[in-house]
Amino acid sequence: MQTGNLLLLLVAMVAAAYYIGWQKSLAQARPLGGIRHLESLPFYYAMRAALWCAIPALVVLGAWLIFDDAIIQNTVMLSLPEDVRPATEGGRGLLLSQIQNVASGALAADSVRPEIAGAAELLRGLRGTNTMALTVVFIVVAMLGGAWGWLKIAPQLRARQQVEKILRVLFMLCALVAIMTTVGIVMSVLFESIRFFGQVSPVDFLFGTQWSPQTALRADQVASEGAFGAIPLFMGTLLISAIALLVAVPVGLMSAIYLAEYAHAKVRAVAKPLLEILAGVPTVVYGFFAALTVAPFIRDVGESIGLDVASESALAAGLVMGVMIIPFVSSISDDVITAVPQVMRDGSLGLGATKSETIRKVVFPAALPGIMGGILLAASRAIGETMIVVMAAGLAANLTVNPLEAVTTVTVQIVTLLTGDQEFDSAKTLAAFALGLMLFITTLVLNVVALHIVKKYREQYE
């Protein structure tokens, strides 16, 4: 039985364990005069039986899926004669791939050596046995766990405490998974970046002004060994993000103030959902809009007034990206402004302040921490955007602050460097991890600065 079917079966078994646990707790409470004589509510007895049914089975399934494939592959390789087994890890992978193709029917058995065909037959048999054994063990463990939880139901059982303890452990494990995932991402990027800086000087990377990761064909060409100066990428990222924020922050903030303070309830009920639809539009659609509509329009306007505008410009990408992140600023700011207590507004108005003065001197300072959070979210979204930049700003790593020229960003270059079949031992490929590390550090600095600003204004306001 496939893993998905096993999980569906487990859901049904857990529901059954919950039901019979509930019924047994009610049956034991009836002679005592009702559920008030039980140590816990029937819900906790039923939940305890369901957890005993689910958790052991899931642990067995997870452990089985982690180790079964490696054990089967090792068994298949050991069944081959010594002269057939490859000595290198790459050769072993190719041979296993060939055996798997024969076992799946993608490759005819008579087109390979008899030893490989025999290994493929063994692989099919082991996989079938493995699936059957997993199904049997999974069902037996789930049934035994549910039966144990059912048998232990008694009026004096402290089921609530046990269920809450199990749930606390599960919540802690979920939090630990999130933390360890973050640590793993950071460590993987960091270690690969260290390998990159072992081949390229960090000074050249951080302060170099030429980006050409491709190795030239001739020694007399520019960057014959590859140029990895990331300054043009950082400048392009900051330029496009700045343009996007110059569009999104004023428009989003002003629209939030209007919707929260001035708009009629009917207008707000229609305008806010329409504004938030922008957040659901795929970025590739924004990219098409920028490349086919905005960029040609900017070029035509520039030519009409005598400016030299590139067909792919930072201005086009920044404007469209700004439209894309307006909902991040507007929606969060609107919710924060609406959450400011009405008594603060009434007190300001009662002291003689106008509505605009109340918004500027009372509502806005109170909502500033949340507004900063929305702006930070919009900035992170702009820095990490890729598709719009690819389609509207191009791939040219130009060191310029002119928004009418073509530029590229860090995220675009990461995608470019890792596209296709790559070997993770060259400076070109490892440069993507170094760029990712710099991007991570940049967003971390943004968070620290935003938290400092929020803390400062919160202290002044309080």
Protein backbone atom coordinates (compact mmCIF):
# COMPACT_ATOMS: atom_id res chain seq x y z
CA MET A 1 0.00 0.00 0.00
CA GLN A 2 1.34 3.42 -0.93
CA THR A 3 2.23 5.97 1.74
CA GLY A 4 -0.71 8.21 0.89
CA ASN A 5 -3.14 5.32 1.25
CA LEU A 6 -1.55 4.36 4.55
CA LEU A 7 -2.09 7.89 5.85
CA LEU A 8 -5.73 7.83 4.76
CA LEU A 9 -6.15 4.47 6.48
CA LEU A 10 -4.55 5.91 9.61
CA VAL A 11 -7.05 8.78 9.61
CA ALA A 12 -9.90 6.26 9.61
CA MET A 13 -8.26 4.21 12.38
CA VAL A 14 -7.66 7.31 14.50
CA ALA A 15 -11.30 8.32 14.08
CA ALA A 16 -12.35 4.82 15.15
CA ALA A 17 -10.02 4.93 18.18
CA TYR A 18 -11.43 8.31 19.15
CA TYR A 19 -15.00 7.02 18.88
CA ILE A 20 -14.50 3.84 20.89
CA GLY A 21 -12.51 5.81 23.50
CA TRP A 22 -15.37 8.27 23.81
CA GLN A 23 -17.92 5.47 24.14
CA LYS A 24 -15.90 3.61 26.77
CA SER A 25 -15.48 6.74 28.88
CA LEU A 26 -19.23 7.36 28.78
CA ALA A 27 -19.91 3.72 29.62
CA GLN A 28 -17.63 3.90 32.66
CA ALA A 29 -19.15 7.20 33.78
CA ARG A 30 -22.72 5.94 33.61
CA PRO A 31 -22.60 3.65 36.71
CA LEU A 32 -20.84 6.39 38.66
CA GLY A 33 -23.58 8.93 38.09
CA GLY A 34 -22.31 10.88 35.09
CA ILE A 35 -19.15 12.32 33.56
CA ARG A 36 -18.64 14.66 36.51
CA HIS A 37 -17.27 11.67 38.42
CA LEU A 38 -14.54 11.09 35.82
CA GLU A 39 -11.07 12.48 36.37
CA SER A 40 -11.22 14.12 32.90
CA LEU A 41 -13.83 14.89 30.28
CA PRO A 42 -14.67 12.14 27.76
CA PHE A 43 -12.96 14.21 25.06
CA TYR A 44 -9.56 13.69 26.71
CA TYR A 45 -10.03 9.94 27.05
CA ALA A 46 -10.99 9.74 23.38
CA MET A 47 -8.12 12.00 22.35
CA ARG A 48 -5.65 9.91 24.35
CA ALA A 49 -6.76 6.74 22.54
CA ALA A 50 -6.51 8.52 19.18
CA LEU A 51 -3.00 9.79 19.96
CA TRP A 52 -1.85 6.32 21.01
CA CYS A 53 -3.17 5.04 17.68
CA ALA A 54 -1.54 7.75 15.56
CA ILE A 55 1.84 8.59 17.08
CA PRO A 56 3.48 5.12 17.21
CA ALA A 57 2.29 4.35 13.68
CA LEU A 58 3.66 7.65 12.34
CA VAL A 59 6.99 7.09 14.09
CA VAL A 60 7.29 3.62 12.53
CA LEU A 61 6.31 4.97 9.11
CA GLY A 62 8.84 7.81 9.27
CA ALA A 63 11.69 5.56 10.40
CA TRP A 64 10.81 2.95 7.79
CA LEU A 65 10.74 5.46 4.94
CA ILE A 66 14.10 6.91 6.02
CA PHE A 67 16.00 3.62 5.97
CA ASP A 68 14.18 1.22 3.63
CA ASP A 69 15.49 2.57 0.33
CA ALA A 70 19.11 2.59 1.48
CA ILE A 71 18.82 -0.98 2.81
CA ILE A 72 17.23 -2.24 -0.41
CA GLN A 73 19.85 -0.55 -2.59
CA ASN A 74 22.69 -1.91 -0.48
CA THR A 75 21.21 -5.42 -0.65
CA VAL A 76 20.90 -5.20 -4.43
CA MET A 77 24.48 -3.99 -4.82
CA LEU A 78 25.80 -6.77 -2.58
CA SER A 79 24.02 -9.33 -4.75
CA LEU A 80 26.14 -8.32 -7.77
CA PRO A 81 29.47 -10.03 -8.49
CA GLU A 82 32.62 -8.18 -7.48
CA ASP A 83 33.65 -7.46 -11.07
CA VAL A 84 30.31 -5.75 -11.79
CA ARG A 85 30.26 -3.42 -8.80
CA PRO A 86 31.77 0.00 -9.62
CA ALA A 87 34.52 1.36 -7.42
CA THR A 88 33.40 5.01 -7.46
CA GLU A 89 30.30 6.61 -5.96
CA GLY A 90 29.33 8.09 -9.33
CA GLY A 91 29.57 4.71 -11.03
CA ARG A 92 27.48 3.16 -8.27
CA GLY A 93 24.78 5.77 -8.83
CA LEU A 94 24.72 5.15 -12.58
CA LEU A 95 24.49 1.38 -12.07
CA LEU A 96 21.64 1.77 -9.57
CA SER A 97 19.83 4.04 -12.01
CA GLN A 98 20.20 1.40 -14.73
CA ILE A 99 18.91 -1.33 -12.43
CA GLN A 100 15.93 0.81 -11.45
CA ASN A 101 15.12 1.50 -15.11
CA VAL A 102 15.13 -2.22 -15.85
CA ALA A 103 13.00 -2.91 -12.76
CA SER A 104 10.44 -0.28 -13.77
CA GLY A 105 10.26 -1.51 -17.37
CA ALA A 106 11.77 1.62 -18.89
CA LEU A 107 14.70 -0.45 -20.09
CA ALA A 108 14.41 -3.93 -21.59
CA ALA A 109 15.98 -6.70 -19.54
CA ASP A 110 17.57 -8.33 -22.60
CA SER A 111 19.47 -5.12 -23.41
CA VAL A 112 21.64 -5.32 -20.27
CA ARG A 113 23.97 -7.85 -18.73
CA PRO A 114 22.36 -10.88 -17.03
CA GLU A 115 23.74 -9.82 -13.66
CA ILE A 116 22.00 -6.45 -13.95
CA ALA A 117 18.76 -8.08 -15.06
CA GLY A 118 18.94 -10.38 -12.04
CA ALA A 119 19.57 -7.41 -9.76
CA ALA A 120 16.53 -5.67 -11.26
CA GLU A 121 14.39 -8.71 -10.57
CA LEU A 122 15.70 -8.78 -7.00
CA LEU A 123 14.93 -5.06 -6.67
CA ARG A 124 11.33 -5.63 -7.77
CA GLY A 125 10.91 -8.45 -5.29
CA LEU A 126 12.43 -6.50 -2.42
CA ARG A 127 10.25 -3.49 -3.13
CA GLY A 128 7.12 -5.62 -3.19
CA THR A 129 8.10 -7.33 0.06
CA ASN A 130 8.98 -3.99 1.60
CA THR A 131 5.60 -2.49 0.71
CA MET A 132 3.71 -5.47 2.09
CA ALA A 133 5.77 -5.57 5.28
CA LEU A 134 5.35 -1.84 5.82
CA THR A 135 1.59 -2.10 5.41
CA VAL A 136 1.31 -4.98 7.88
CA VAL A 137 3.60 -3.44 10.48
CA PHE A 138 1.94 -0.03 10.15
CA ILE A 139 -1.57 -1.43 10.64
CA VAL A 140 -0.52 -3.68 13.52
CA VAL A 141 1.26 -0.85 15.36
CA ALA A 142 -1.71 1.48 14.89
CA MET A 143 -4.15 -1.16 16.14
CA LEU A 144 -1.97 -2.07 19.13
CA GLY A 145 -1.55 1.59 20.05
CA GLY A 146 -5.27 2.26 19.79
CA ALA A 147 -6.05 -0.89 21.79
CA TRP A 148 -3.58 0.13 24.50
CA GLY A 149 -5.13 3.58 24.74
CA TRP A 150 -8.60 2.02 24.93
CA LEU A 151 -7.69 -0.55 27.58
CA LYS A 152 -6.15 2.05 29.88
CA ILE A 153 -9.32 4.15 30.03
CA ALA A 154 -10.48 4.30 33.63
CA PRO A 155 -12.39 6.86 35.74
CA GLN A 156 -9.28 7.70 37.76
CA LEU A 157 -7.01 8.09 34.70
CA ARG A 158 -5.62 11.64 34.42
CA ALA A 159 -6.25 11.76 30.69
CA ARG A 160 -6.28 15.54 30.36
CA GLN A 161 -2.81 15.94 31.84
CA GLN A 162 -1.41 13.20 29.60
CA VAL A 163 -2.99 14.62 26.44
CA GLU A 164 -1.77 18.13 27.22
CA LYS A 165 1.73 16.83 27.90
CA ILE A 166 1.79 15.00 24.57
CA LEU A 167 0.52 18.07 22.74
CA ARG A 168 3.15 20.26 24.40
CA VAL A 169 5.84 17.87 23.20
CA LEU A 170 4.37 17.89 19.68
CA PHE A 171 4.26 21.69 19.62
CA MET A 172 7.85 21.84 20.83
CA LEU A 173 8.92 19.40 18.11
CA CYS A 174 7.16 21.51 15.48
CA ALA A 175 8.95 24.62 16.72
CA LEU A 176 12.22 22.69 16.76
CA VAL A 177 11.67 21.58 13.16
CA ALA A 178 11.18 25.20 12.08
CA ILE A 179 14.29 26.31 13.98
CA MET A 180 16.45 23.45 12.71
CA THR A 181 15.27 24.07 9.14
CA THR A 182 16.40 27.68 9.41
CA VAL A 183 19.72 26.63 10.93
CA GLY A 184 20.20 24.02 8.20
CA ILE A 185 19.55 26.57 5.45
CA VAL A 186 21.99 29.04 6.98
CA MET A 187 24.66 26.39 7.53
CA SER A 188 24.39 24.98 4.01
CA VAL A 189 24.67 28.45 2.48
CA LEU A 190 27.51 29.37 4.84
CA PHE A 191 29.61 26.27 4.16
CA GLU A 192 29.26 26.58 0.39
CA SER A 193 30.09 30.28 0.64
CA ILE A 194 33.27 29.41 2.56
CA ARG A 195 34.23 27.09 -0.31
CA PHE A 196 33.63 29.94 -2.75
CA PHE A 197 35.74 32.38 -0.76
CA GLY A 198 38.50 29.79 -0.76
CA GLN A 199 38.68 30.28 -4.55
CA VAL A 200 37.75 33.97 -4.82
CA SER A 201 38.94 36.71 -2.49
CA PRO A 202 36.16 38.17 -0.30
CA VAL A 203 37.54 41.63 -1.04
CA ASP A 204 37.19 41.09 -4.81
CA PHE A 205 33.66 39.75 -4.28
CA LEU A 206 32.43 42.50 -1.97
CA PHE A 207 34.16 45.46 -3.62
CA GLY A 208 34.70 44.37 -7.22
CA THR A 209 32.92 46.31 -9.93
CA GLN A 210 32.83 43.67 -12.67
CA TRP A 211 30.54 40.66 -12.65
CA SER A 212 31.33 38.01 -15.25
CA PRO A 213 31.21 34.52 -13.71
CA GLN A 214 31.72 32.85 -17.08
CA THR A 215 35.33 31.89 -17.77
CA ALA A 216 36.55 33.44 -21.01
CA LEU A 217 37.89 31.35 -23.90
CA ARG A 218 41.04 33.43 -24.42
CA ALA A 219 43.49 34.76 -21.88
CA ASP A 220 43.42 38.26 -23.38
CA GLN A 221 39.67 38.64 -22.82
CA VAL A 222 38.24 40.58 -19.90
CA ALA A 223 37.92 38.39 -16.83
CA SER A 224 39.68 35.40 -18.31
CA GLU A 225 39.47 33.75 -14.91
CA GLY A 226 35.99 35.04 -14.22
CA ALA A 227 35.12 38.32 -12.51
CA PHE A 228 33.05 38.02 -9.33
CA GLY A 229 32.63 41.62 -8.21
CA ALA A 230 29.14 41.78 -6.73
CA ILE A 231 28.82 45.57 -6.47
CA PRO A 232 26.80 45.83 -9.75
CA LEU A 233 24.36 43.22 -8.44
CA PHE A 234 23.93 44.97 -5.11
CA MET A 235 23.43 48.32 -6.84
CA GLY A 236 20.87 46.86 -9.22
CA THR A 237 18.98 45.23 -6.34
CA LEU A 238 18.96 48.44 -4.30
CA LEU A 239 17.99 50.57 -7.31
CA ILE A 240 14.98 48.47 -8.29
CA SER A 241 13.91 47.97 -4.67
CA ALA A 242 14.16 51.71 -3.99
CA ILE A 243 11.99 52.52 -7.01
CA ALA A 244 9.46 49.91 -5.92
CA LEU A 245 9.31 51.28 -2.37
CA LEU A 246 8.98 54.85 -3.65
CA VAL A 247 5.84 53.68 -5.43
CA ALA A 248 4.42 51.28 -2.86
CA VAL A 249 4.99 53.10 0.44
CA PRO A 250 3.23 56.42 -0.34
CA VAL A 251 0.41 54.81 -2.31
CA GLY A 252 -0.09 51.97 0.15
CA LEU A 253 0.12 54.14 3.25
CA MET A 254 -2.18 56.85 1.93
CA SER A 255 -4.71 54.31 0.73
CA ALA A 256 -4.60 52.65 4.18
CA ILE A 257 -5.23 55.97 5.91
CA TYR A 258 -8.12 56.72 3.57
CA LEU A 259 -9.72 53.31 4.00
CA ALA A 260 -9.29 53.32 7.79
CA GLU A 261 -10.18 56.93 8.59
CA TYR A 262 -12.12 58.57 5.77
CA ALA A 263 -13.80 55.95 3.58
CA HIS A 264 -17.44 55.01 4.03
CA ALA A 265 -18.05 51.45 5.23
CA LYS A 266 -19.50 50.45 1.85
CA VAL A 267 -16.54 51.91 -0.02
CA ARG A 268 -14.11 50.17 2.33
CA ALA A 269 -15.91 46.83 1.92
CA VAL A 270 -15.36 47.02 -1.84
CA ALA A 271 -12.04 48.85 -2.14
CA LYS A 272 -9.96 46.82 0.32
CA PRO A 273 -10.62 43.39 -1.27
CA LEU A 274 -9.99 44.86 -4.73
CA LEU A 275 -6.68 46.29 -3.51
CA GLU A 276 -5.64 43.00 -1.95
CA ILE A 277 -6.27 41.17 -5.22
CA LEU A 278 -2.97 42.62 -6.40
CA ALA A 279 -1.17 40.34 -3.92
CA GLY A 280 -2.69 37.26 -5.57
CA VAL A 281 -1.61 38.04 -9.12
CA PRO A 282 1.27 35.72 -10.18
CA THR A 283 4.59 37.49 -10.57
CA VAL A 284 4.98 36.17 -14.10
CA VAL A 285 1.85 38.15 -15.03
CA TYR A 286 3.44 41.28 -13.61
CA GLY A 287 6.56 40.41 -15.61
CA PHE A 288 4.59 40.19 -18.84
CA PHE A 289 2.86 43.48 -18.03
CA ALA A 290 6.20 45.16 -17.34
CA ALA A 291 7.92 43.76 -20.45
CA LEU A 292 5.06 44.26 -22.93
CA THR A 293 3.35 47.41 -21.65
CA VAL A 294 5.31 49.46 -19.12
CA ALA A 295 8.80 49.13 -20.61
CA PRO A 296 7.75 50.11 -24.18
CA PHE A 297 5.69 53.00 -22.78
CA ILE A 298 8.66 54.33 -20.78
CA ARG A 299 10.94 53.95 -23.80
CA ASP A 300 8.51 55.81 -26.08
CA VAL A 301 8.04 58.61 -23.56
CA GLY A 302 11.79 58.92 -23.08
CA GLU A 303 12.46 59.05 -26.80
CA SER A 304 9.79 61.71 -27.25
CA ILE A 305 11.66 64.03 -24.86
CA GLY A 306 15.11 63.12 -26.12
CA LEU A 307 16.21 60.58 -23.48
CA ASP A 308 18.02 57.34 -24.26
CA VAL A 309 15.96 54.65 -22.53
CA ALA A 310 16.92 50.97 -22.68
CA SER A 311 14.28 48.51 -23.82
CA GLU A 312 14.79 46.77 -20.46
CA SER A 313 15.16 49.31 -17.67
CA ALA A 314 15.28 49.40 -13.90
CA LEU A 315 12.48 51.97 -13.92
CA ALA A 316 10.02 49.62 -15.63
CA ALA A 317 10.81 46.75 -13.27
CA GLY A 318 10.69 49.02 -10.21
CA LEU A 319 7.36 50.60 -11.11
CA VAL A 320 5.63 47.28 -11.70
CA MET A 321 7.22 45.77 -8.61
CA GLY A 322 5.97 48.74 -6.61
CA VAL A 323 2.43 48.07 -7.80
CA MET A 324 2.85 44.43 -6.81
CA ILE A 325 3.87 45.18 -3.20
CA ILE A 326 1.27 47.90 -2.56
CA PRO A 327 -1.06 45.40 -0.79
CA PHE A 328 1.72 44.43 1.63
CA VAL A 329 1.95 48.02 2.84
CA SER A 330 -1.71 48.92 2.50
CA SER A 331 -3.35 45.89 4.09
CA ILE A 332 -1.05 45.68 7.11
CA SER A 333 -1.13 49.45 7.68
CA ASP A 334 -4.90 49.50 7.40
CA ASP A 335 -5.29 46.72 9.96
CA VAL A 336 -2.87 48.43 12.36
CA ILE A 337 -4.52 51.85 12.03
CA THR A 338 -7.95 50.31 12.54
CA ALA A 339 -6.68 48.59 15.70
CA VAL A 340 -5.82 51.91 17.37
CA PRO A 341 -8.42 52.38 20.16
CA GLN A 342 -11.23 54.74 19.29
CA VAL A 343 -10.95 56.44 22.69
CA MET A 344 -7.59 57.88 21.63
CA ARG A 345 -9.21 59.51 18.63
CA ASP A 346 -12.11 60.77 20.73
CA GLY A 347 -9.73 62.24 23.31
CA SER A 348 -7.75 64.08 20.66
CA LEU A 349 -10.87 65.43 18.99
CA GLY A 350 -12.26 66.41 22.37
CA LEU A 351 -9.17 68.53 23.02
CA GLY A 352 -9.86 70.51 19.85
CA ALA A 353 -7.61 68.76 17.34
CA THR A 354 -8.82 68.37 13.78
CA LYS A 355 -9.19 64.99 12.17
CA SER A 356 -5.99 65.36 10.18
CA GLU A 357 -4.09 66.46 13.30
CA THR A 358 -5.45 63.46 15.17
CA ILE A 359 -4.23 61.16 12.44
CA ARG A 360 -0.77 62.73 12.30
CA LYS A 361 -0.13 63.19 16.02
CA VAL A 362 -2.11 60.35 17.64
CA VAL A 363 -3.12 57.56 15.28
CA PHE A 364 0.01 57.43 13.15
CA PRO A 365 2.50 57.29 16.07
CA ALA A 366 0.41 54.59 17.74
CA ALA A 367 0.33 52.52 14.55
CA LEU A 368 3.95 53.16 13.54
CA PRO A 369 5.38 49.81 14.74
CA GLY A 370 2.87 47.88 12.64
CA ILE A 371 3.34 50.20 9.68
CA MET A 372 7.10 49.63 9.85
CA GLY A 373 6.43 45.90 9.81
CA GLY A 374 4.39 46.25 6.63
CA ILE A 375 7.07 48.37 4.96
CA LEU A 376 9.75 45.86 5.99
CA LEU A 377 7.69 43.02 4.54
CA ALA A 378 7.30 44.97 1.30
CA ALA A 379 11.05 45.68 1.17
CA SER A 380 11.90 42.02 1.68
CA ARG A 381 9.43 41.08 -1.04
CA ALA A 382 11.01 43.59 -3.42
CA ILE A 383 14.56 42.44 -2.69
CA GLY A 384 13.66 38.81 -3.25
CA GLU A 385 11.64 39.27 -6.45
CA THR A 386 13.05 37.54 -9.54
CA MET A 387 10.56 37.11 -12.38
CA ILE A 388 9.73 40.78 -12.91
CA VAL A 389 13.44 41.69 -13.01
CA VAL A 390 14.23 38.93 -15.51
CA MET A 391 11.49 40.00 -17.89
CA ALA A 392 11.65 43.79 -17.49
CA ALA A 393 15.19 44.73 -16.36
CA GLY A 394 17.30 42.09 -18.08
CA LEU A 395 20.41 40.16 -17.06
CA ALA A 396 23.09 42.79 -17.66
CA ALA A 397 25.23 43.45 -14.57
CA ASN A 398 25.70 47.19 -15.09
CA LEU A 399 27.13 49.38 -12.35
CA THR A 400 24.81 52.37 -12.64
CA VAL A 401 22.31 54.43 -10.70
CA ASN A 402 20.48 55.51 -13.85
CA PRO A 403 16.99 53.98 -13.70
CA LEU A 404 16.69 54.19 -17.48
CA GLU A 405 19.42 51.58 -18.03
CA ALA A 406 19.26 47.80 -17.82
CA VAL A 407 20.40 46.23 -14.54
CA THR A 408 20.12 42.92 -12.77
CA THR A 409 19.68 41.81 -9.18
CA VAL A 410 21.15 39.27 -6.79
CA THR A 411 18.21 36.87 -7.02
CA VAL A 412 18.26 36.84 -10.82
CA GLN A 413 21.94 35.95 -10.85
CA ILE A 414 21.39 33.17 -8.32
CA VAL A 415 18.80 31.62 -10.63
CA THR A 416 21.07 32.07 -13.65
CA LEU A 417 24.07 30.47 -11.94
CA LEU A 418 22.11 27.42 -10.77
CA THR A 419 20.11 26.82 -13.95
CA GLY A 420 20.91 23.61 -15.82
CA ASP A 421 23.35 20.84 -14.99
CA GLN A 422 26.01 22.32 -12.73
CA GLU A 423 28.95 20.94 -10.82
CA PHE A 424 29.20 22.26 -7.29
CA ASP A 425 32.96 22.59 -7.32
CA SER A 426 33.47 25.61 -9.56
CA ALA A 427 33.57 29.24 -8.50
CA LYS A 428 30.74 30.03 -10.92
CA THR A 429 28.25 27.73 -9.18
CA LEU A 430 29.48 28.44 -5.65
CA ALA A 431 29.03 32.16 -6.31
CA ALA A 432 25.28 31.62 -6.05
CA PHE A 433 25.67 30.57 -2.41
CA ALA A 434 27.84 33.59 -1.65
CA LEU A 435 25.16 35.83 -3.16
CA GLY A 436 22.53 34.03 -1.11
CA LEU A 437 24.56 34.63 2.05
CA MET A 438 24.85 38.34 1.26
CA LEU A 439 21.10 38.49 0.62
CA PHE A 440 20.44 36.78 3.94
CA ILE A 441 22.71 39.25 5.76
CA THR A 442 21.00 42.18 4.03
CA THR A 443 17.51 41.10 5.08
CA LEU A 444 18.80 40.43 8.60
CA VAL A 445 20.19 43.97 8.80
CA LEU A 446 16.85 45.32 7.57
CA ASN A 447 15.06 43.45 10.34
CA VAL A 448 17.46 44.75 12.99
CA VAL A 449 17.10 48.34 11.77
CA ALA A 450 13.31 48.06 11.65
CA LEU A 451 13.17 46.61 15.17
CA HIS A 452 15.37 49.46 16.41
CA ILE A 453 13.07 52.05 14.81
CA VAL A 454 9.97 50.37 16.19
CA LYS A 455 11.46 50.18 19.69
CA LYS A 456 12.54 53.82 19.59
CA TYR A 457 9.14 55.18 18.55
CA ARG A 458 7.28 52.83 20.85
CA GLU A 459 9.26 54.11 23.83
CA GLN A 460 8.65 57.72 22.80
CA TYR A 461 4.94 57.09 22.38
CA GLU A 462 4.49 55.13 25.60
